[in-house]
PDB file of N, CA and C in Angstrom:
ATOM      1  N   UNK A   1       0.856  -1.168   0.000  1.00  0.00           N
ATOM      2  CA  UNK A   1       0.000   0.000   0.000  1.00  0.00           C
ATOM      3  C   UNK A   1       0.899   1.227   0.000  1.00  0.00           C
ATOM      4  N   UNK A   2       0.505   2.201  -0.736  1.00  0.00           N
ATOM      5  CA  UNK A   2       1.298   3.415  -0.847  1.00  0.00           C
ATOM      6  C   UNK A   2       1.028   4.340   0.321  1.00  0.00           C
ATOM      7  N   UNK A   3       1.941   5.261   0.508  1.00  0.00           N
ATOM      8  CA  UNK A   3       1.785   6.214   1.603  1.00  0.00           C
ATOM      9  C   UNK A   3       1.075   7.463   1.105  1.00  0.00           C
ATOM     10  N   UNK A   4       0.514   8.213   2.033  1.00  0.00           N
ATOM     11  CA  UNK A   4      -0.180   9.446   1.672  1.00  0.00           C
ATOM     12  C   UNK A   4       0.735  10.421   0.956  1.00  0.00           C
ATOM     13  N   UNK A   5       2.014  10.439   1.331  1.00  0.00           N
ATOM     14  CA  UNK A   5       2.927  11.410   0.738  1.00  0.00           C
ATOM     15  C   UNK A   5       3.074  11.191  -0.762  1.00  0.00           C
ATOM     16  N   UNK A   6       2.855   9.962  -1.239  1.00  0.00           N
ATOM     17  CA  UNK A   6       2.964   9.706  -2.670  1.00  0.00           C
ATOM     18  C   UNK A   6       1.844  10.383  -3.447  1.00  0.00           C
ATOM     19  N   UNK A   7       0.735  10.712  -2.782  1.00  0.00           N
ATOM     20  CA  UNK A   7      -0.407  11.265  -3.479  1.00  0.00           C
ATOM     21  C   UNK A   7      -0.629  12.735  -3.188  1.00  0.00           C
ATOM     22  N   UNK A   8       0.374  13.396  -2.641  1.00  0.00           N
ATOM     23  CA  UNK A   8       0.253  14.832  -2.402  1.00  0.00           C
ATOM     24  C   UNK A   8       0.062  15.584  -3.710  1.00  0.00           C
ATOM     25  N   UNK A   9       0.571  15.009  -4.795  1.00  0.00           N
ATOM     26  CA  UNK A   9       0.415  15.651  -6.088  1.00  0.00           C
ATOM     27  C   UNK A   9      -1.044  15.684  -6.531  1.00  0.00           C
ATOM     28  N   UNK A  10      -1.912  14.939  -5.880  1.00  0.00           N
ATOM     29  CA  UNK A  10      -3.324  14.906  -6.233  1.00  0.00           C
ATOM     30  C   UNK A  10      -4.137  15.859  -5.376  1.00  0.00           C
ATOM     31  N   UNK A  11      -3.506  16.886  -4.884  1.00  0.00           N
ATOM     32  CA  UNK A  11      -4.211  17.900  -4.118  1.00  0.00           C
ATOM     33  C   UNK A  11      -4.559  17.473  -2.710  1.00  0.00           C
ATOM     34  N   UNK A  12      -3.790  16.553  -2.145  1.00  0.00           N
ATOM     35  CA  UNK A  12      -4.034  16.128  -0.771  1.00  0.00           C
ATOM     36  C   UNK A  12      -5.256  15.248  -0.617  1.00  0.00           C
ATOM     37  N   UNK A  13      -5.740  14.664  -1.716  1.00  0.00           N
ATOM     38  CA  UNK A  13      -6.897  13.771  -1.642  1.00  0.00           C
ATOM     39  C   UNK A  13      -6.545  12.486  -0.918  1.00  0.00           C
ATOM     40  N   UNK A  14      -7.537  11.638  -0.728  1.00  0.00           N
ATOM     41  CA  UNK A  14      -7.303  10.399   0.018  1.00  0.00           C
ATOM     42  C   UNK A  14      -6.433   9.428  -0.765  1.00  0.00           C
ATOM     43  N   UNK A  15      -5.772   8.537  -0.033  1.00  0.00           N
ATOM     44  CA  UNK A  15      -5.035   7.484  -0.723  1.00  0.00           C
ATOM     45  C   UNK A  15      -6.049   6.489  -1.285  1.00  0.00           C
ATOM     46  N   UNK A  16      -5.572   5.504  -2.030  1.00  0.00           N
ATOM     47  CA  UNK A  16      -6.463   4.587  -2.738  1.00  0.00           C
ATOM     48  C   UNK A  16      -7.372   3.816  -1.787  1.00  0.00           C
ATOM     49  N   UNK A  17      -6.844   3.334  -0.677  1.00  0.00           N
ATOM     50  CA  UNK A  17      -7.657   2.568   0.265  1.00  0.00           C
ATOM     51  C   UNK A  17      -8.728   3.445   0.903  1.00  0.00           C
ATOM     52  N   UNK A  18      -8.359   4.621   1.365  1.00  0.00           N
ATOM     53  CA  UNK A  18      -9.337   5.504   2.013  1.00  0.00           C
ATOM     54  C   UNK A  18     -10.415   5.933   1.011  1.00  0.00           C
ATOM     55  N   UNK A  19     -10.022   6.183  -0.224  1.00  0.00           N
ATOM     56  CA  UNK A  19     -11.011   6.543  -1.240  1.00  0.00           C
ATOM     57  C   UNK A  19     -11.975   5.386  -1.472  1.00  0.00           C
ATOM     58  N   UNK A  20     -11.471   4.151  -1.454  1.00  0.00           N
ATOM     59  CA  UNK A  20     -12.342   2.984  -1.628  1.00  0.00           C
ATOM     60  C   UNK A  20     -13.274   2.824  -0.433  1.00  0.00           C
ATOM     61  N   UNK A  21     -12.767   3.052   0.768  1.00  0.00           N
ATOM     62  CA  UNK A  21     -13.586   2.904   1.978  1.00  0.00           C
ATOM     63  C   UNK A  21     -14.693   3.949   2.021  1.00  0.00           C
ATOM     64  N   UNK A  22     -14.342   5.195   1.760  1.00  0.00           N
ATOM     65  CA  UNK A  22     -15.311   6.287   1.890  1.00  0.00           C
ATOM     66  C   UNK A  22     -16.171   6.476   0.647  1.00  0.00           C
ATOM     67  N   UNK A  23     -15.723   5.929  -0.486  1.00  0.00           N
ATOM     68  CA  UNK A  23     -16.450   6.135  -1.729  1.00  0.00           C
ATOM     69  C   UNK A  23     -16.257   7.526  -2.299  1.00  0.00           C
ATOM     70  N   UNK A  24     -15.283   8.237  -1.743  1.00  0.00           N
ATOM     71  CA  UNK A  24     -15.007   9.596  -2.210  1.00  0.00           C
ATOM     72  C   UNK A  24     -14.531   9.551  -3.661  1.00  0.00           C
ATOM     73  N   UNK A  25     -15.036  10.443  -4.506  1.00  0.00           N
ATOM     74  CA  UNK A  25     -14.596  10.451  -5.902  1.00  0.00           C
ATOM     75  C   UNK A  25     -13.104  10.761  -6.007  1.00  0.00           C
ATOM     76  N   UNK A  26     -12.466  10.135  -6.981  1.00  0.00           N
ATOM     77  CA  UNK A  26     -11.041  10.375  -7.202  1.00  0.00           C
ATOM     78  C   UNK A  26     -10.858  11.673  -7.971  1.00  0.00           C
ATOM     79  N   UNK A  27      -9.770  12.340  -7.675  1.00  0.00           N
ATOM     80  CA  UNK A  27      -9.458  13.574  -8.398  1.00  0.00           C
ATOM     81  C   UNK A  27      -9.092  13.226  -9.843  1.00  0.00           C
ATOM     82  N   UNK A  28      -9.128  14.218 -10.683  1.00  0.00           N
ATOM     83  CA  UNK A  28      -8.762  14.020 -12.088  1.00  0.00           C
ATOM     84  C   UNK A  28      -7.333  13.497 -12.197  1.00  0.00           C
ATOM     85  N   UNK A  29      -6.434  14.049 -11.390  1.00  0.00           N
ATOM     86  CA  UNK A  29      -5.037  13.615 -11.437  1.00  0.00           C
ATOM     87  C   UNK A  29      -4.905  12.151 -11.021  1.00  0.00           C
ATOM     88  N   UNK A  30      -5.631  11.756  -9.987  1.00  0.00           N
ATOM     89  CA  UNK A  30      -5.566  10.368  -9.519  1.00  0.00           C
ATOM     90  C   UNK A  30      -6.112   9.418 -10.578  1.00  0.00           C
ATOM     91  N   UNK A  31      -7.171   9.833 -11.274  1.00  0.00           N
ATOM     92  CA  UNK A  31      -7.751   8.973 -12.314  1.00  0.00           C
ATOM     93  C   UNK A  31      -6.819   8.812 -13.503  1.00  0.00           C
ATOM     94  N   UNK A  32      -5.868   9.712 -13.664  1.00  0.00           N
ATOM     95  CA  UNK A  32      -4.905   9.614 -14.770  1.00  0.00           C
ATOM     96  C   UNK A  32      -3.715   8.722 -14.440  1.00  0.00           C
ATOM     97  N   UNK A  33      -3.548   8.351 -13.192  1.00  0.00           N
ATOM     98  CA  UNK A  33      -2.386   7.559 -12.762  1.00  0.00           C
ATOM     99  C   UNK A  33      -2.754   6.070 -12.764  1.00  0.00           C
ATOM    100  N   UNK A  34      -2.182   5.288 -13.685  1.00  0.00           N
ATOM    101  CA  UNK A  34      -2.521   3.865 -13.754  1.00  0.00           C
ATOM    102  C   UNK A  34      -2.186   3.104 -12.469  1.00  0.00           C
ATOM    103  N   UNK A  35      -1.096   3.459 -11.811  1.00  0.00           N
ATOM    104  CA  UNK A  35      -0.721   2.766 -10.570  1.00  0.00           C
ATOM    105  C   UNK A  35      -1.741   3.054  -9.473  1.00  0.00           C
ATOM    106  N   UNK A  36      -2.166   4.297  -9.368  1.00  0.00           N
ATOM    107  CA  UNK A  36      -3.172   4.654  -8.367  1.00  0.00           C
ATOM    108  C   UNK A  36      -4.486   3.938  -8.661  1.00  0.00           C
ATOM    109  N   UNK A  37      -4.896   3.923  -9.923  1.00  0.00           N
ATOM    110  CA  UNK A  37      -6.146   3.259 -10.282  1.00  0.00           C
ATOM    111  C   UNK A  37      -6.091   1.765  -9.987  1.00  0.00           C
ATOM    112  N   UNK A  38      -4.948   1.140 -10.261  1.00  0.00           N
ATOM    113  CA  UNK A  38      -4.805  -0.292  -9.963  1.00  0.00           C
ATOM    114  C   UNK A  38      -4.906  -0.537  -8.462  1.00  0.00           C
ATOM    115  N   UNK A  39      -4.274   0.323  -7.690  1.00  0.00           N
ATOM    116  CA  UNK A  39      -4.330   0.190  -6.232  1.00  0.00           C
ATOM    117  C   UNK A  39      -5.758   0.411  -5.727  1.00  0.00           C
ATOM    118  N   UNK A  40      -6.457   1.365  -6.307  1.00  0.00           N
ATOM    119  CA  UNK A  40      -7.835   1.651  -5.917  1.00  0.00           C
ATOM    120  C   UNK A  40      -8.743   0.471  -6.264  1.00  0.00           C
ATOM    121  N   UNK A  41      -8.576  -0.111  -7.452  1.00  0.00           N
ATOM    122  CA  UNK A  41      -9.373  -1.284  -7.833  1.00  0.00           C
ATOM    123  C   UNK A  41      -9.109  -2.453  -6.891  1.00  0.00           C
ATOM    124  N   UNK A  42      -7.845  -2.665  -6.535  1.00  0.00           N
ATOM    125  CA  UNK A  42      -7.505  -3.750  -5.608  1.00  0.00           C
ATOM    126  C   UNK A  42      -8.130  -3.504  -4.236  1.00  0.00           C
ATOM    127  N   UNK A  43      -8.109  -2.267  -3.780  1.00  0.00           N
ATOM    128  CA  UNK A  43      -8.706  -1.934  -2.483  1.00  0.00           C
ATOM    129  C   UNK A  43     -10.213  -2.165  -2.519  1.00  0.00           C
ATOM    130  N   UNK A  44     -10.865  -1.793  -3.615  1.00  0.00           N
ATOM    131  CA  UNK A  44     -12.312  -2.021  -3.733  1.00  0.00           C
ATOM    132  C   UNK A  44     -12.630  -3.507  -3.752  1.00  0.00           C
ATOM    133  N   UNK A  45     -11.794  -4.305  -4.418  1.00  0.00           N
ATOM    134  CA  UNK A  45     -12.005  -5.759  -4.440  1.00  0.00           C
ATOM    135  C   UNK A  45     -11.820  -6.350  -3.046  1.00  0.00           C
ATOM    136  N   UNK A  46     -10.805  -5.884  -2.322  1.00  0.00           N
ATOM    137  CA  UNK A  46     -10.583  -6.360  -0.947  1.00  0.00           C
ATOM    138  C   UNK A  46     -11.774  -6.022  -0.056  1.00  0.00           C
ATOM    139  N   UNK A  47     -12.302  -4.817  -0.194  1.00  0.00           N
ATOM    140  CA  UNK A  47     -13.457  -4.413   0.612  1.00  0.00           C
ATOM    141  C   UNK A  47     -14.692  -5.239   0.267  1.00  0.00           C
ATOM    142  N   UNK A  48     -14.875  -5.550  -1.012  1.00  0.00           N
ATOM    143  CA  UNK A  48     -16.015  -6.379  -1.409  1.00  0.00           C
ATOM    144  C   UNK A  48     -15.894  -7.778  -0.814  1.00  0.00           C
ATOM    145  N   UNK A  49     -14.686  -8.340  -0.821  1.00  0.00           N
ATOM    146  CA  UNK A  49     -14.476  -9.664  -0.229  1.00  0.00           C
ATOM    147  C   UNK A  49     -14.707  -9.622   1.279  1.00  0.00           C
ATOM    148  N   UNK A  50     -14.240  -8.579   1.923  1.00  0.00           N
ATOM    149  CA  UNK A  50     -14.453  -8.425   3.365  1.00  0.00           C
ATOM    150  C   UNK A  50     -15.944  -8.308   3.673  1.00  0.00           C
ATOM    151  N   UNK A  51     -16.644  -7.500   2.908  1.00  0.00           N
ATOM    152  CA  UNK A  51     -18.087  -7.316   3.114  1.00  0.00           C
ATOM    153  C   UNK A  51     -18.821  -8.651   2.942  1.00  0.00           C
ATOM    154  N   UNK A  52     -18.471  -9.421   1.907  1.00  0.00           N
ATOM    155  CA  UNK A  52     -19.124 -10.713   1.671  1.00  0.00           C
ATOM    156  C   UNK A  52     -18.855 -11.671   2.827  1.00  0.00           C
ATOM    157  N   UNK A  53     -17.627 -11.686   3.321  1.00  0.00           N
ATOM    158  CA  UNK A  53     -17.298 -12.548   4.454  1.00  0.00           C
ATOM    159  C   UNK A  53     -18.062 -12.161   5.703  1.00  0.00           C
ATOM    160  N   UNK A  54     -18.194 -10.876   5.945  1.00  0.00           N
ATOM    161  CA  UNK A  54     -18.942 -10.409   7.118  1.00  0.00           C
ATOM    162  C   UNK A  54     -20.430 -10.734   6.991  1.00  0.00           C
ATOM    163  N   UNK A  55     -20.964 -10.649   5.775  1.00  0.00           N
ATOM    164  CA  UNK A  55     -22.370 -11.005   5.573  1.00  0.00           C
ATOM    165  C   UNK A  55     -22.597 -12.492   5.834  1.00  0.00           C
ATOM    166  N   UNK A  56     -21.674 -13.356   5.369  1.00  0.00           N
ATOM    167  CA  UNK A  56     -21.800 -14.795   5.638  1.00  0.00           C
ATOM    168  C   UNK A  56     -21.728 -15.070   7.132  1.00  0.00           C
ATOM    169  N   UNK A  57     -20.833 -14.393   7.814  1.00  0.00           N
ATOM    170  CA  UNK A  57     -20.705 -14.565   9.259  1.00  0.00           C
ATOM    171  C   UNK A  57     -21.987 -14.135   9.969  1.00  0.00           C
ATOM    172  N   UNK A  58     -22.547 -13.010   9.567  1.00  0.00           N
ATOM    173  CA  UNK A  58     -23.784 -12.526  10.178  1.00  0.00           C
ATOM    174  C   UNK A  58     -24.923 -13.514   9.952  1.00  0.00           C
ATOM    175  N   UNK A  59     -24.998 -14.094   8.759  1.00  0.00           N
ATOM    176  CA  UNK A  59     -26.041 -15.086   8.481  1.00  0.00           C
ATOM    177  C   UNK A  59     -25.880 -16.314   9.368  1.00  0.00           C
ATOM    178  N   UNK A  60     -24.648 -16.744   9.583  1.00  0.00           N
ATOM    179  CA  UNK A  60     -24.400 -17.910  10.432  1.00  0.00           C
ATOM    180  C   UNK A  60     -24.758 -17.628  11.889  1.00  0.00           C
ATOM    181  N   UNK A  61     -24.568 -16.411  12.323  1.00  0.00           N
ATOM    182  CA  UNK A  61     -24.831 -16.060  13.712  1.00  0.00           C
ATOM    183  C   UNK A  61     -26.299 -15.762  13.983  1.00  0.00           C
ATOM    184  N   UNK A  62     -27.061 -15.449  12.944  1.00  0.00           N
ATOM    185  CA  UNK A  62     -28.489 -15.177  13.123  1.00  0.00           C
ATOM    186  C   UNK A  62     -29.223 -16.473  13.417  1.00  0.00           C
ATOM    187  N   UNK A  63     -30.160 -16.444  14.376  1.00  0.00           N
ATOM    188  CA  UNK A  63     -30.962 -17.648  14.614  1.00  0.00           C
ATOM    189  C   UNK A  63     -31.905 -17.863  13.429  1.00  0.00           C
ATOM    190  N   UNK A  64     -32.334 -19.093  13.194  1.00  0.00           N
ATOM    191  CA  UNK A  64     -33.272 -19.348  12.095  1.00  0.00           C
ATOM    192  C   UNK A  64     -34.574 -18.576  12.307  1.00  0.00           C
ATOM    193  N   UNK A  65     -35.236 -18.244  11.223  1.00  0.00           N
ATOM    194  CA  UNK A  65     -36.500 -17.512  11.314  1.00  0.00           C
ATOM    195  C   UNK A  65     -37.502 -18.320  12.123  1.00  0.00           C
ATOM    196  N   UNK A  66     -38.176 -17.668  13.031  1.00  0.00           N
ATOM    197  CA  UNK A  66     -39.186 -18.323  13.841  1.00  0.00           C
ATOM    198  C   UNK A  66     -38.646 -19.110  15.014  1.00  0.00           C
ATOM    199  N   UNK A  67     -37.352 -19.144  15.189  1.00  0.00           N
ATOM    200  CA  UNK A  67     -36.779 -19.894  16.308  1.00  0.00           C
ATOM    201  C   UNK A  67     -37.081 -19.155  17.601  1.00  0.00           C
ATOM    202  N   UNK A  68     -37.529 -19.910  18.593  1.00  0.00           N
ATOM    203  CA  UNK A  68     -37.833 -19.303  19.887  1.00  0.00           C
ATOM    204  C   UNK A  68     -37.131 -20.101  20.959  1.00  0.00           C
ATOM    205  N   UNK A  69     -36.682 -19.409  21.953  1.00  0.00           N
ATOM    206  CA  UNK A  69     -36.081 -20.080  23.095  1.00  0.00           C
ATOM    207  C   UNK A  69     -34.745 -20.733  22.811  1.00  0.00           C
ATOM    208  N   UNK A  70     -34.056 -20.263  21.792  1.00  0.00           N
ATOM    209  CA  UNK A  70     -32.768 -20.870  21.479  1.00  0.00           C
ATOM    210  C   UNK A  70     -31.631 -20.238  22.258  1.00  0.00           C
ATOM    211  N   UNK A  71     -31.886 -19.086  22.823  1.00  0.00           N
ATOM    212  CA  UNK A  71     -30.820 -18.431  23.584  1.00  0.00           C
ATOM    213  C   UNK A  71     -30.645 -19.139  24.921  1.00  0.00           C
ATOM    214  N   UNK A  72     -29.437 -19.211  25.366  1.00  0.00           N
ATOM    215  CA  UNK A  72     -29.170 -19.832  26.662  1.00  0.00           C
ATOM    216  C   UNK A  72     -28.685 -18.771  27.620  1.00  0.00           C
ATOM    217  N   UNK A  73     -28.983 -18.979  28.876  1.00  0.00           N
ATOM    218  CA  UNK A  73     -28.508 -18.058  29.902  1.00  0.00           C
ATOM    219  C   UNK A  73     -27.167 -18.547  30.408  1.00  0.00           C
ATOM    220  N   UNK A  74     -26.303 -17.623  30.740  1.00  0.00           N
ATOM    221  CA  UNK A  74     -25.036 -18.055  31.328  1.00  0.00           C
ATOM    222  C   UNK A  74     -25.282 -18.672  32.700  1.00  0.00           C
ATOM    223  N   UNK A  75     -24.422 -19.578  33.087  1.00  0.00           N
ATOM    224  CA  UNK A  75     -24.547 -20.204  34.401  1.00  0.00           C
ATOM    225  C   UNK A  75     -24.426 -19.140  35.476  1.00  0.00           C
ATOM    226  N   UNK A  76     -25.156 -19.321  36.544  1.00  0.00           N
ATOM    227  CA  UNK A  76     -25.100 -18.359  37.641  1.00  0.00           C
ATOM    228  C   UNK A  76     -23.764 -18.517  38.352  1.00  0.00           C
ATOM    229  N   UNK A  77     -23.100 -17.427  38.542  1.00  0.00           N
ATOM    230  CA  UNK A  77     -21.800 -17.454  39.213  1.00  0.00           C
ATOM    231  C   UNK A  77     -21.856 -16.577  40.448  1.00  0.00           C
ATOM    232  N   UNK A  78     -20.910 -16.793  41.309  1.00  0.00           N
ATOM    233  CA  UNK A  78     -20.839 -15.963  42.504  1.00  0.00           C
ATOM    234  C   UNK A  78     -20.116 -14.678  42.169  1.00  0.00           C
ATOM    235  N   UNK A  79     -20.369 -13.700  42.952  1.00  0.00           N
ATOM    236  CA  UNK A  79     -19.698 -12.423  42.794  1.00  0.00           C
ATOM    237  C   UNK A  79     -18.327 -12.537  43.451  1.00  0.00           C
ATOM    238  N   UNK A  80     -17.238 -12.332  42.707  1.00  0.00           N
ATOM    239  CA  UNK A  80     -15.912 -12.478  43.309  1.00  0.00           C
ATOM    240  C   UNK A  80     -15.680 -11.535  44.484  1.00  0.00           C
ATOM    241  N   UNK A  81     -16.440 -10.456  44.547  1.00  0.00           N
ATOM    242  CA  UNK A  81     -16.276  -9.535  45.670  1.00  0.00           C
ATOM    243  C   UNK A  81     -16.888 -10.117  46.942  1.00  0.00           C
ATOM    244  N   UNK A  82     -17.779 -11.071  46.785  1.00  0.00           N
ATOM    245  CA  UNK A  82     -18.448 -11.707  47.928  1.00  0.00           C
ATOM    246  C   UNK A  82     -18.337 -13.226  47.792  1.00  0.00           C
ATOM    247  N   UNK A  83     -17.202 -13.800  48.163  1.00  0.00           N
ATOM    248  CA  UNK A  83     -17.043 -15.248  47.994  1.00  0.00           C
ATOM    249  C   UNK A  83     -18.026 -16.022  48.868  1.00  0.00           C
ATOM    250  N   UNK A  84     -18.378 -17.182  48.397  1.00  0.00           N
ATOM    251  CA  UNK A  84     -19.281 -18.050  49.150  1.00  0.00           C
ATOM    252  C   UNK A  84     -18.497 -18.697  50.277  1.00  0.00           C
ATOM    253  N   UNK A  85     -19.059 -18.684  51.480  1.00  0.00           N
ATOM    254  CA  UNK A  85     -18.408 -19.324  52.625  1.00  0.00           C
ATOM    255  C   UNK A  85     -19.215 -20.563  52.990  1.00  0.00           C
ATOM    256  N   UNK A  86     -18.528 -21.641  53.106  1.00  0.00           N
ATOM    257  CA  UNK A  86     -19.179 -22.895  53.477  1.00  0.00           C
ATOM    258  C   UNK A  86     -18.947 -23.119  54.963  1.00  0.00           C
ATOM    259  N   UNK A  87     -20.020 -23.441  55.685  1.00  0.00           N
ATOM    260  CA  UNK A  87     -19.916 -23.645  57.139  1.00  0.00           C
ATOM    261  C   UNK A  87     -18.948 -24.780  57.439  1.00  0.00           C
ATOM    262  N   UNK A  88     -18.163 -24.591  58.463  1.00  0.00           N
ATOM    263  CA  UNK A  88     -17.205 -25.597  58.928  1.00  0.00           C
ATOM    264  C   UNK A  88     -16.194 -26.001  57.860  1.00  0.00           C
ATOM    265  N   UNK A  89     -15.849 -25.077  57.019  1.00  0.00           N
ATOM    266  CA  UNK A  89     -14.876 -25.415  55.990  1.00  0.00           C
ATOM    267  C   UNK A  89     -13.458 -25.069  56.417  1.00  0.00           C
ATOM    268  N   UNK A  90     -13.308 -24.645  57.654  1.00  0.00           N
ATOM    269  CA  UNK A  90     -11.973 -24.306  58.153  1.00  0.00           C
ATOM    270  C   UNK A  90     -11.174 -25.595  58.332  1.00  0.00           C
ATOM    271  N   UNK A  91      -9.915 -25.452  58.630  1.00  0.00           N
ATOM    272  CA  UNK A  91      -9.047 -26.618  58.843  1.00  0.00           C
ATOM    273  C   UNK A  91      -9.596 -27.451  59.998  1.00  0.00           C
ATOM    274  N   UNK A  92      -9.391 -28.766  59.973  1.00  0.00           N
ATOM    275  CA  UNK A  92      -9.897 -29.608  61.061  1.00  0.00           C
ATOM    276  C   UNK A  92      -9.275 -29.191  62.388  1.00  0.00           C
ATOM    277  N   UNK A  93     -10.002 -29.402  63.464  1.00  0.00           N
ATOM    278  CA  UNK A  93      -9.471 -28.996  64.773  1.00  0.00           C
ATOM    279  C   UNK A  93      -8.189 -29.756  65.085  1.00  0.00           C
ATOM    280  N   UNK A  94      -7.340 -29.090  65.818  1.00  0.00           N
ATOM    281  CA  UNK A  94      -6.059 -29.710  66.199  1.00  0.00           C
ATOM    282  C   UNK A  94      -6.317 -30.830  67.201  1.00  0.00           C
ATOM    283  N   UNK A  95      -5.485 -31.832  67.153  1.00  0.00           N
ATOM    284  CA  UNK A  95      -5.605 -32.957  68.091  1.00  0.00           C
ATOM    285  C   UNK A  95      -5.287 -32.471  69.494  1.00  0.00           C
ATOM    286  N   UNK A  96      -5.981 -33.012  70.510  1.00  0.00           N
ATOM    287  CA  UNK A  96      -5.703 -32.578  71.889  1.00  0.00           C
ATOM    288  C   UNK A  96      -4.272 -32.936  72.282  1.00  0.00           C
ATOM    289  N   UNK A  97      -3.650 -32.066  73.029  1.00  0.00           N
ATOM    290  CA  UNK A  97      -2.275 -32.347  73.446  1.00  0.00           C
ATOM    291  C   UNK A  97      -2.168 -32.927  74.810  1.00  0.00           C
TER     292      UNK A  97
END
C-alpha cells in the first residue's frame, strides 16, 4: 500500500484505500495515474471480499426464522467480591495435646 505522501500531487486527496472505503470520488489527477487506479481497484475488491465474508458470518450467527427459546442463559456465578463461605470449611481442629 502506498503512503499518503505519494499522493500529495493529487491535491491532498485520500489514498487509494481511504477513497475505496469512503467512496469519495477520485481527483482528475488520480484517475490519470494507472498505478493509483490499480491500487484503488484492488482496495475495492478487498473491501467487497471483506463485506461478503462479514455477511456470511452474520447469516451464520443469526438464529433461524421463527426460532424461539434458542438463547441460553449463562450459568449463575458468585460475585468475586463476595465469595461463598461454606460452614465448617476451616481446617480440622487440632488434636488434643
